[in-house]
Amino acid sequence: MDLITPRKLESPYQADALDLRLLAAIQEGLPIAPHPFADIAARIGIPEQAVLERLALLQHAGIIKRFGVVVRHHELGIAANAMVVWDVADAQVDQLGACLAKFEFVTLCYRRPRRLPQWRYNLYCMIHGKSRDEVLAHLTHMVQSCGLHDLPHEVLFSKRRFKQRGAAYFPAPAIAEA
């Protein structure tokens, strides 16, 4: 079998040497470029289409859960962010979550189980702004737009910034060996 062509999905899937090189190449993030997958392909010495096919297979196998963007928001001038937690009737979570997620200043919106009696909240959304006042103004706009006036919620402003990164498939020494 040719090393470039992805194999059929086996159960459980066994990543081969090329899969490991590909995972090592993407774990620090995709290049900011017009054709990031072509750049990765050139780096590991295979065609862009092979990169796309192998990534699809790795995703289908559950080795890669998802692709996402990690935005370094402080570098964009966004100095304040808050996780707003809501106590929403379970039957309304999908509808209200969709309403909250439509705002451009919301970067995360998801459901989590309640942890009663200590934690009653089940819907979470992250709001970003240039200042705390701007975040609170965004929240007021969301409450009015989505009809959330009577829903219990808390606003949890971030106090510290932690390193943001995507998935790490290998410790640093393994990348060089892959």
N, C-alpha and C. Protein backbone atom coordinates (compact mmCIF):
# COMPACT_ATOMS: atom_id res chain seq x y z
N MET A 1 0.85 -1.19 0.00
CA MET A 1 0.00 0.00 0.00
C MET A 1 0.89 1.24 0.00
N ASP A 2 0.45 2.21 -0.71
CA ASP A 2 1.17 3.48 -0.83
C ASP A 2 0.99 4.29 0.46
N LEU A 3 2.04 4.91 0.96
CA LEU A 3 2.02 5.60 2.25
C LEU A 3 1.16 6.85 2.26
N ILE A 4 0.90 7.41 1.10
CA ILE A 4 0.14 8.65 1.05
C ILE A 4 -1.35 8.40 1.22
N THR A 5 -1.85 7.32 0.64
CA THR A 5 -3.28 7.04 0.67
C THR A 5 -3.71 6.59 2.06
N PRO A 6 -4.75 7.22 2.64
CA PRO A 6 -5.19 6.78 3.95
C PRO A 6 -5.79 5.38 3.87
N ARG A 7 -5.58 4.64 4.93
CA ARG A 7 -6.14 3.29 4.97
C ARG A 7 -7.61 3.35 5.31
N LYS A 8 -8.30 2.27 5.10
CA LYS A 8 -9.70 2.20 5.50
C LYS A 8 -9.78 2.19 7.01
N LEU A 9 -10.90 2.63 7.53
CA LEU A 9 -11.08 2.71 8.97
C LEU A 9 -11.14 1.32 9.56
N GLU A 10 -10.20 1.06 10.45
CA GLU A 10 -10.17 -0.21 11.16
C GLU A 10 -10.70 0.03 12.57
N SER A 11 -11.12 -1.01 13.23
CA SER A 11 -11.59 -0.84 14.58
C SER A 11 -10.75 -1.70 15.51
N PRO A 12 -10.02 -1.21 16.46
CA PRO A 12 -9.72 0.21 16.63
C PRO A 12 -8.70 0.68 15.61
N TYR A 13 -8.78 1.93 15.27
CA TYR A 13 -7.90 2.50 14.26
C TYR A 13 -6.47 2.54 14.78
N GLN A 14 -5.53 2.11 13.97
CA GLN A 14 -4.11 2.16 14.31
C GLN A 14 -3.43 3.20 13.43
N ALA A 15 -3.02 4.30 14.04
CA ALA A 15 -2.32 5.35 13.29
C ALA A 15 -0.99 4.81 12.79
N ASP A 16 -0.65 5.12 11.55
CA ASP A 16 0.64 4.71 11.00
C ASP A 16 1.64 5.86 11.13
N ALA A 17 2.85 5.65 10.64
CA ALA A 17 3.92 6.64 10.78
C ALA A 17 3.56 7.98 10.13
N LEU A 18 2.87 7.94 8.99
CA LEU A 18 2.50 9.19 8.32
C LEU A 18 1.41 9.92 9.11
N ASP A 19 0.48 9.18 9.69
CA ASP A 19 -0.53 9.80 10.55
C ASP A 19 0.16 10.52 11.71
N LEU A 20 1.15 9.88 12.30
CA LEU A 20 1.86 10.48 13.43
C LEU A 20 2.60 11.74 13.01
N ARG A 21 3.20 11.74 11.83
CA ARG A 21 3.86 12.95 11.32
C ARG A 21 2.85 14.06 11.11
N LEU A 22 1.71 13.70 10.57
CA LEU A 22 0.66 14.69 10.33
C LEU A 22 0.15 15.26 11.65
N LEU A 23 -0.12 14.42 12.62
CA LEU A 23 -0.58 14.90 13.92
C LEU A 23 0.46 15.81 14.57
N ALA A 24 1.72 15.43 14.47
CA ALA A 24 2.79 16.27 15.02
C ALA A 24 2.82 17.62 14.31
N ALA A 25 2.56 17.63 13.01
CA ALA A 25 2.61 18.87 12.24
C ALA A 25 1.47 19.82 12.58
N ILE A 26 0.33 19.30 13.01
CA ILE A 26 -0.82 20.18 13.29
C ILE A 26 -0.98 20.51 14.76
N GLN A 27 -0.28 19.83 15.65
CA GLN A 27 -0.58 20.03 17.07
C GLN A 27 -0.22 21.41 17.59
N GLU A 28 0.66 22.12 16.94
CA GLU A 28 0.97 23.49 17.36
C GLU A 28 0.08 24.51 16.66
N GLY A 29 -0.86 24.02 15.85
CA GLY A 29 -1.80 24.90 15.17
C GLY A 29 -1.54 24.94 13.68
N LEU A 30 -2.55 25.32 12.93
CA LEU A 30 -2.42 25.46 11.49
C LEU A 30 -1.70 26.76 11.17
N PRO A 31 -0.93 26.77 10.11
CA PRO A 31 -0.28 28.02 9.72
C PRO A 31 -1.31 29.07 9.31
N ILE A 32 -1.04 30.31 9.63
CA ILE A 32 -1.91 31.39 9.17
C ILE A 32 -1.44 31.71 7.76
N ALA A 33 -2.16 31.14 6.81
CA ALA A 33 -1.75 31.23 5.40
C ALA A 33 -2.99 31.02 4.54
N PRO A 34 -2.94 31.46 3.28
CA PRO A 34 -4.10 31.26 2.39
C PRO A 34 -4.45 29.78 2.21
N HIS A 35 -3.46 28.89 2.26
CA HIS A 35 -3.69 27.46 2.06
C HIS A 35 -2.94 26.66 3.13
N PRO A 36 -3.45 26.68 4.37
CA PRO A 36 -2.71 26.06 5.47
C PRO A 36 -2.46 24.56 5.27
N PHE A 37 -3.41 23.85 4.67
CA PHE A 37 -3.23 22.41 4.50
C PHE A 37 -2.18 22.11 3.43
N ALA A 38 -2.07 22.98 2.44
CA ALA A 38 -1.01 22.83 1.44
C ALA A 38 0.35 23.07 2.09
N ASP A 39 0.43 24.02 3.00
CA ASP A 39 1.68 24.28 3.71
C ASP A 39 2.09 23.08 4.56
N ILE A 40 1.12 22.49 5.25
CA ILE A 40 1.40 21.30 6.05
C ILE A 40 1.84 20.15 5.15
N ALA A 41 1.15 19.99 4.02
CA ALA A 41 1.50 18.93 3.08
C ALA A 41 2.94 19.07 2.60
N ALA A 42 3.34 20.30 2.27
CA ALA A 42 4.71 20.53 1.81
C ALA A 42 5.71 20.22 2.92
N ARG A 43 5.33 20.56 4.15
CA ARG A 43 6.23 20.32 5.28
C ARG A 43 6.48 18.84 5.53
N ILE A 44 5.44 18.01 5.34
CA ILE A 44 5.64 16.58 5.61
C ILE A 44 5.82 15.76 4.33
N GLY A 45 5.77 16.43 3.18
CA GLY A 45 6.13 15.77 1.93
C GLY A 45 5.06 14.91 1.28
N ILE A 46 3.80 15.34 1.40
CA ILE A 46 2.71 14.62 0.73
C ILE A 46 1.79 15.63 0.06
N PRO A 47 0.90 15.19 -0.84
CA PRO A 47 -0.03 16.13 -1.49
C PRO A 47 -1.08 16.68 -0.50
N GLU A 48 -1.55 17.87 -0.80
CA GLU A 48 -2.57 18.49 0.05
C GLU A 48 -3.81 17.60 0.18
N GLN A 49 -4.24 16.97 -0.90
CA GLN A 49 -5.42 16.11 -0.85
C GLN A 49 -5.22 14.96 0.12
N ALA A 50 -4.00 14.42 0.20
CA ALA A 50 -3.71 13.34 1.14
C ALA A 50 -3.82 13.83 2.59
N VAL A 51 -3.38 15.06 2.83
CA VAL A 51 -3.52 15.65 4.17
C VAL A 51 -5.00 15.73 4.53
N LEU A 52 -5.81 16.25 3.63
CA LEU A 52 -7.24 16.41 3.89
C LEU A 52 -7.92 15.06 4.13
N GLU A 53 -7.58 14.07 3.32
CA GLU A 53 -8.18 12.74 3.47
C GLU A 53 -7.77 12.08 4.78
N ARG A 54 -6.50 12.19 5.13
CA ARG A 54 -6.03 11.59 6.37
C ARG A 54 -6.64 12.30 7.58
N LEU A 55 -6.76 13.62 7.54
CA LEU A 55 -7.37 14.34 8.65
C LEU A 55 -8.84 13.93 8.81
N ALA A 56 -9.53 13.75 7.69
CA ALA A 56 -10.93 13.30 7.76
C ALA A 56 -11.01 11.92 8.39
N LEU A 57 -10.11 11.04 8.02
CA LEU A 57 -10.11 9.69 8.58
C LEU A 57 -9.77 9.72 10.07
N LEU A 58 -8.79 10.51 10.46
CA LEU A 58 -8.44 10.63 11.87
C LEU A 58 -9.58 11.22 12.68
N GLN A 59 -10.31 12.13 12.07
CA GLN A 59 -11.48 12.70 12.75
C GLN A 59 -12.58 11.66 12.86
N HIS A 60 -12.82 10.93 11.80
CA HIS A 60 -13.86 9.88 11.80
C HIS A 60 -13.53 8.80 12.83
N ALA A 61 -12.26 8.50 13.01
CA ALA A 61 -11.83 7.48 13.96
C ALA A 61 -11.88 7.98 15.40
N GLY A 62 -12.08 9.29 15.59
CA GLY A 62 -12.14 9.85 16.93
C GLY A 62 -10.79 10.25 17.49
N ILE A 63 -9.73 10.13 16.70
CA ILE A 63 -8.40 10.54 17.16
C ILE A 63 -8.34 12.06 17.22
N ILE A 64 -8.90 12.72 16.23
CA ILE A 64 -9.07 14.18 16.26
C ILE A 64 -10.55 14.41 16.53
N LYS A 65 -10.85 15.12 17.58
CA LYS A 65 -12.25 15.36 17.95
C LYS A 65 -12.87 16.49 17.13
N ARG A 66 -12.09 17.56 16.93
CA ARG A 66 -12.62 18.69 16.17
C ARG A 66 -11.48 19.62 15.82
N PHE A 67 -11.73 20.50 14.86
CA PHE A 67 -10.82 21.59 14.54
C PHE A 67 -11.47 22.85 15.05
N GLY A 68 -10.69 23.71 15.64
CA GLY A 68 -11.23 24.96 16.14
C GLY A 68 -10.15 26.02 16.10
N VAL A 69 -10.55 27.21 16.41
CA VAL A 69 -9.64 28.35 16.41
C VAL A 69 -9.42 28.77 17.85
N VAL A 70 -8.18 28.97 18.21
CA VAL A 70 -7.84 29.55 19.50
C VAL A 70 -7.46 31.00 19.22
N VAL A 71 -8.32 31.90 19.67
CA VAL A 71 -8.09 33.32 19.43
C VAL A 71 -7.38 33.90 20.65
N ARG A 72 -6.27 34.53 20.41
CA ARG A 72 -5.54 35.22 21.48
C ARG A 72 -6.14 36.63 21.58
N HIS A 73 -7.26 36.70 22.30
CA HIS A 73 -8.08 37.90 22.29
C HIS A 73 -7.40 39.14 22.88
N HIS A 74 -6.49 38.98 23.82
CA HIS A 74 -5.81 40.17 24.35
C HIS A 74 -5.02 40.89 23.27
N GLU A 75 -4.43 40.11 22.35
CA GLU A 75 -3.67 40.71 21.26
C GLU A 75 -4.57 41.48 20.29
N LEU A 76 -5.86 41.22 20.35
CA LEU A 76 -6.83 41.92 19.50
C LEU A 76 -7.46 43.11 20.22
N GLY A 77 -6.98 43.42 21.42
CA GLY A 77 -7.52 44.56 22.16
C GLY A 77 -8.71 44.21 23.03
N ILE A 78 -9.01 42.95 23.20
CA ILE A 78 -10.13 42.53 24.05
C ILE A 78 -9.56 42.24 25.43
N ALA A 79 -9.79 43.16 26.37
CA ALA A 79 -9.16 43.09 27.68
C ALA A 79 -10.06 42.49 28.76
N ALA A 80 -11.33 42.31 28.48
CA ALA A 80 -12.25 41.79 29.50
C ALA A 80 -13.06 40.65 28.91
N ASN A 81 -13.27 39.65 29.74
CA ASN A 81 -14.18 38.57 29.34
C ASN A 81 -14.83 38.00 30.59
N ALA A 82 -16.02 37.48 30.38
CA ALA A 82 -16.77 36.91 31.49
C ALA A 82 -17.53 35.68 31.02
N MET A 83 -17.52 34.67 31.87
CA MET A 83 -18.37 33.51 31.65
C MET A 83 -19.68 33.84 32.37
N VAL A 84 -20.76 33.82 31.62
CA VAL A 84 -22.07 34.04 32.22
C VAL A 84 -22.73 32.67 32.32
N VAL A 85 -23.16 32.32 33.52
CA VAL A 85 -23.79 31.03 33.76
C VAL A 85 -25.26 31.26 34.05
N TRP A 86 -26.09 30.43 33.44
CA TRP A 86 -27.53 30.61 33.48
C TRP A 86 -28.21 29.37 34.05
N ASP A 87 -29.27 29.58 34.80
CA ASP A 87 -30.13 28.49 35.29
C ASP A 87 -31.35 28.47 34.38
N VAL A 88 -31.32 27.57 33.40
CA VAL A 88 -32.33 27.53 32.36
C VAL A 88 -33.12 26.22 32.47
N ALA A 89 -34.44 26.30 32.30
CA ALA A 89 -35.24 25.08 32.26
C ALA A 89 -34.68 24.17 31.17
N ASP A 90 -34.51 22.90 31.48
CA ASP A 90 -33.88 21.97 30.54
C ASP A 90 -34.54 21.99 29.16
N ALA A 91 -35.85 22.16 29.12
CA ALA A 91 -36.57 22.17 27.84
C ALA A 91 -36.26 23.41 27.01
N GLN A 92 -35.69 24.45 27.62
CA GLN A 92 -35.40 25.70 26.91
C GLN A 92 -33.93 25.89 26.56
N VAL A 93 -33.07 24.99 27.01
CA VAL A 93 -31.62 25.19 26.84
C VAL A 93 -31.24 25.34 25.37
N ASP A 94 -31.72 24.46 24.50
CA ASP A 94 -31.35 24.54 23.08
C ASP A 94 -31.78 25.86 22.46
N GLN A 95 -33.00 26.28 22.72
CA GLN A 95 -33.52 27.52 22.15
C GLN A 95 -32.74 28.73 22.66
N LEU A 96 -32.53 28.81 23.96
CA LEU A 96 -31.83 29.97 24.51
C LEU A 96 -30.34 29.93 24.17
N GLY A 97 -29.76 28.74 24.13
CA GLY A 97 -28.36 28.61 23.73
C GLY A 97 -28.15 29.12 22.32
N ALA A 98 -29.06 28.79 21.42
CA ALA A 98 -28.97 29.27 20.03
C ALA A 98 -29.08 30.79 19.98
N CYS A 99 -29.93 31.35 20.82
CA CYS A 99 -30.08 32.81 20.83
C CYS A 99 -28.79 33.47 21.33
N LEU A 100 -28.20 32.95 22.40
CA LEU A 100 -26.97 33.53 22.94
C LEU A 100 -25.80 33.38 21.98
N ALA A 101 -25.74 32.24 21.32
CA ALA A 101 -24.59 31.95 20.44
C ALA A 101 -24.57 32.82 19.19
N LYS A 102 -25.66 33.47 18.86
CA LYS A 102 -25.69 34.26 17.62
C LYS A 102 -24.94 35.59 17.71
N PHE A 103 -24.59 36.01 18.92
CA PHE A 103 -23.93 37.30 19.08
C PHE A 103 -22.45 37.19 18.77
N GLU A 104 -21.91 38.18 18.05
CA GLU A 104 -20.50 38.11 17.63
C GLU A 104 -19.53 38.21 18.80
N PHE A 105 -19.95 38.76 19.91
CA PHE A 105 -19.07 38.89 21.08
C PHE A 105 -19.10 37.65 21.98
N VAL A 106 -19.89 36.65 21.62
CA VAL A 106 -19.94 35.38 22.35
C VAL A 106 -19.07 34.37 21.60
N THR A 107 -18.07 33.83 22.29
CA THR A 107 -17.18 32.88 21.62
C THR A 107 -17.45 31.44 22.02
N LEU A 108 -18.07 31.23 23.16
CA LEU A 108 -18.43 29.89 23.60
C LEU A 108 -19.85 29.92 24.12
N CYS A 109 -20.58 28.87 23.83
CA CYS A 109 -21.92 28.74 24.40
C CYS A 109 -22.21 27.25 24.45
N TYR A 110 -22.41 26.72 25.65
CA TYR A 110 -22.59 25.29 25.78
C TYR A 110 -23.38 24.93 27.03
N ARG A 111 -23.86 23.70 27.02
CA ARG A 111 -24.64 23.16 28.14
C ARG A 111 -23.73 22.27 28.98
N ARG A 112 -23.93 22.33 30.29
CA ARG A 112 -23.23 21.44 31.22
C ARG A 112 -24.25 20.95 32.23
N PRO A 113 -24.00 19.79 32.82
CA PRO A 113 -24.95 19.30 33.83
C PRO A 113 -24.90 20.16 35.10
N ARG A 114 -26.03 20.26 35.75
CA ARG A 114 -26.10 20.93 37.04
C ARG A 114 -25.39 20.06 38.08
N ARG A 115 -24.89 20.67 39.13
CA ARG A 115 -24.27 19.95 40.24
C ARG A 115 -24.96 20.39 41.53
N LEU A 116 -26.22 19.96 41.63
CA LEU A 116 -27.04 20.35 42.78
C LEU A 116 -26.55 19.64 44.03
N PRO A 117 -26.67 20.26 45.19
CA PRO A 117 -27.30 21.54 45.45
C PRO A 117 -26.35 22.74 45.31
N GLN A 118 -25.04 22.49 45.10
CA GLN A 118 -24.09 23.59 45.09
C GLN A 118 -24.14 24.45 43.83
N TRP A 119 -24.44 23.85 42.68
CA TRP A 119 -24.33 24.58 41.41
C TRP A 119 -25.55 24.30 40.56
N ARG A 120 -26.38 25.30 40.39
CA ARG A 120 -27.65 25.10 39.68
C ARG A 120 -27.60 25.46 38.20
N TYR A 121 -26.47 25.95 37.73
CA TYR A 121 -26.38 26.49 36.37
C TYR A 121 -26.10 25.40 35.34
N ASN A 122 -26.75 25.53 34.17
CA ASN A 122 -26.62 24.51 33.13
C ASN A 122 -26.34 25.08 31.73
N LEU A 123 -26.33 26.39 31.57
CA LEU A 123 -26.02 27.00 30.28
C LEU A 123 -24.93 28.06 30.51
N TYR A 124 -23.89 27.99 29.68
CA TYR A 124 -22.71 28.83 29.86
C TYR A 124 -22.44 29.58 28.56
N CYS A 125 -22.04 30.84 28.68
CA CYS A 125 -21.57 31.56 27.49
C CYS A 125 -20.45 32.52 27.89
N MET A 126 -19.46 32.63 27.02
CA MET A 126 -18.31 33.51 27.25
C MET A 126 -18.51 34.77 26.42
N ILE A 127 -18.48 35.92 27.10
CA ILE A 127 -18.64 37.22 26.46
C ILE A 127 -17.32 37.97 26.53
N HIS A 128 -16.93 38.57 25.43
CA HIS A 128 -15.68 39.34 25.36
C HIS A 128 -15.98 40.81 25.05
N GLY A 129 -15.12 41.68 25.57
CA GLY A 129 -15.23 43.10 25.28
C GLY A 129 -13.93 43.82 25.60
N LYS A 130 -13.86 45.07 25.22
CA LYS A 130 -12.65 45.86 25.47
C LYS A 130 -12.54 46.29 26.92
N SER A 131 -13.66 46.24 27.65
CA SER A 131 -13.67 46.62 29.07
C SER A 131 -14.79 45.84 29.77
N ARG A 132 -14.76 45.87 31.10
CA ARG A 132 -15.84 45.23 31.87
C ARG A 132 -17.18 45.89 31.55
N ASP A 133 -17.17 47.21 31.43
CA ASP A 133 -18.42 47.92 31.11
C ASP A 133 -18.98 47.46 29.77
N GLU A 134 -18.10 47.26 28.79
CA GLU A 134 -18.57 46.79 27.48
C GLU A 134 -19.15 45.38 27.59
N VAL A 135 -18.52 44.52 28.37
CA VAL A 135 -19.05 43.16 28.57
C VAL A 135 -20.42 43.22 29.21
N LEU A 136 -20.57 44.06 30.23
CA LEU A 136 -21.88 44.19 30.90
C LEU A 136 -22.93 44.77 29.96
N ALA A 137 -22.54 45.69 29.08
CA ALA A 137 -23.47 46.23 28.08
C ALA A 137 -23.89 45.13 27.11
N HIS A 138 -22.94 44.29 26.71
CA HIS A 138 -23.27 43.15 25.84
C HIS A 138 -24.27 42.23 26.54
N LEU A 139 -24.05 41.98 27.82
CA LEU A 139 -24.95 41.12 28.59
C LEU A 139 -26.36 41.71 28.63
N THR A 140 -26.46 43.00 28.87
CA THR A 140 -27.77 43.66 28.90
C THR A 140 -28.47 43.51 27.55
N HIS A 141 -27.71 43.69 26.48
CA HIS A 141 -28.27 43.52 25.13
C HIS A 141 -28.77 42.09 24.92
N MET A 142 -28.01 41.11 25.37
CA MET A 142 -28.41 39.71 25.23
C MET A 142 -29.68 39.41 26.03
N VAL A 143 -29.73 39.91 27.25
CA VAL A 143 -30.90 39.69 28.11
C VAL A 143 -32.15 40.25 27.43
N GLN A 144 -32.04 41.46 26.88
CA GLN A 144 -33.19 42.07 26.21
C GLN A 144 -33.55 41.33 24.93
N SER A 145 -32.56 40.99 24.13
CA SER A 145 -32.81 40.35 22.83
C SER A 145 -33.37 38.94 22.95
N CYS A 146 -32.91 38.21 23.96
CA CYS A 146 -33.31 36.80 24.10
C CYS A 146 -34.40 36.60 25.14
N GLY A 147 -34.86 37.68 25.77
CA GLY A 147 -35.93 37.56 26.76
C GLY A 147 -35.50 36.81 28.01
N LEU A 148 -34.35 37.16 28.56
CA LEU A 148 -33.80 36.43 29.70
C LEU A 148 -33.94 37.18 31.02
N HIS A 149 -34.85 38.13 31.08
CA HIS A 149 -34.99 39.02 32.24
C HIS A 149 -35.15 38.27 33.56
N ASP A 150 -35.90 37.19 33.56
CA ASP A 150 -36.21 36.51 34.81
C ASP A 150 -35.34 35.29 35.09
N LEU A 151 -34.34 35.04 34.25
CA LEU A 151 -33.50 33.86 34.45
C LEU A 151 -32.36 34.14 35.43
N PRO A 152 -32.23 33.31 36.45
CA PRO A 152 -31.10 33.47 37.36
C PRO A 152 -29.79 33.24 36.61
N HIS A 153 -28.82 34.10 36.88
CA HIS A 153 -27.51 33.96 36.24
C HIS A 153 -26.45 34.64 37.10
N GLU A 154 -25.21 34.32 36.81
CA GLU A 154 -24.08 34.96 37.46
C GLU A 154 -23.07 35.34 36.39
N VAL A 155 -22.36 36.43 36.62
CA VAL A 155 -21.33 36.91 35.71
C VAL A 155 -19.98 36.68 36.39
N LEU A 156 -19.15 35.85 35.77
CA LEU A 156 -17.87 35.48 36.36
C LEU A 156 -16.75 36.03 35.48
N PHE A 157 -16.21 37.18 35.87
CA PHE A 157 -15.14 37.80 35.09
C PHE A 157 -13.83 37.06 35.30
N SER A 158 -13.08 36.93 34.24
CA SER A 158 -11.75 36.32 34.32
C SER A 158 -10.82 37.25 35.07
N LYS A 159 -9.97 36.66 35.90
CA LYS A 159 -8.98 37.44 36.64
C LYS A 159 -7.57 37.20 36.11
N ARG A 160 -7.36 36.04 35.51
CA ARG A 160 -6.04 35.67 35.00
C ARG A 160 -6.18 35.12 33.60
N ARG A 161 -5.11 35.24 32.88
CA ARG A 161 -5.04 34.69 31.52
C ARG A 161 -4.10 33.49 31.54
N PHE A 162 -4.58 32.38 31.03
CA PHE A 162 -3.78 31.17 30.94
C PHE A 162 -3.39 30.94 29.49
N LYS A 163 -2.39 30.12 29.29
CA LYS A 163 -1.95 29.81 27.94
C LYS A 163 -3.09 29.14 27.18
N GLN A 164 -3.31 29.61 25.96
CA GLN A 164 -4.34 29.05 25.10
C GLN A 164 -3.67 28.24 24.01
N ARG A 165 -4.13 27.01 23.81
CA ARG A 165 -3.58 26.17 22.76
C ARG A 165 -4.58 25.08 22.42
N GLY A 166 -4.32 24.43 21.34
CA GLY A 166 -5.16 23.32 20.92
C GLY A 166 -4.66 22.02 21.53
N ALA A 167 -5.12 20.93 20.97
CA ALA A 167 -4.78 19.60 21.48
C ALA A 167 -3.30 19.31 21.29
N ALA A 168 -2.73 18.61 22.26
CA ALA A 168 -1.35 18.14 22.16
C ALA A 168 -1.40 16.62 22.06
N TYR A 169 -0.95 16.10 20.95
CA TYR A 169 -1.00 14.67 20.73
C TYR A 169 0.26 13.96 21.22
N PHE A 170 1.37 14.67 21.26
CA PHE A 170 2.65 14.10 21.64
C PHE A 170 3.38 15.07 22.55
N PRO A 171 4.18 14.56 23.49
CA PRO A 171 5.07 15.46 24.19
C PRO A 171 6.11 16.00 23.21
N ALA A 172 6.71 17.12 23.52
CA ALA A 172 7.64 17.79 22.59
C ALA A 172 8.69 16.87 21.99
N PRO A 173 9.38 15.97 22.75
CA PRO A 173 10.39 15.13 22.12
C PRO A 173 9.82 14.20 21.05
N ALA A 174 8.58 13.77 21.20
CA ALA A 174 7.99 12.84 20.23
C ALA A 174 7.77 13.52 18.88
N ILE A 175 7.59 14.83 18.88
CA ILE A 175 7.37 15.54 17.62
C ILE A 175 8.60 15.40 16.73
N ALA A 176 9.75 15.57 17.30
CA ALA A 176 10.98 15.47 16.52
C ALA A 176 11.21 14.05 15.99
N GLU A 177 10.75 13.06 16.75
CA GLU A 177 10.96 11.67 16.35
C GLU A 177 9.96 11.21 15.32
N ALA A 178 8.78 11.86 15.27
CA ALA A 178 7.69 11.39 14.40
C ALA A 178 8.05 11.46 12.94
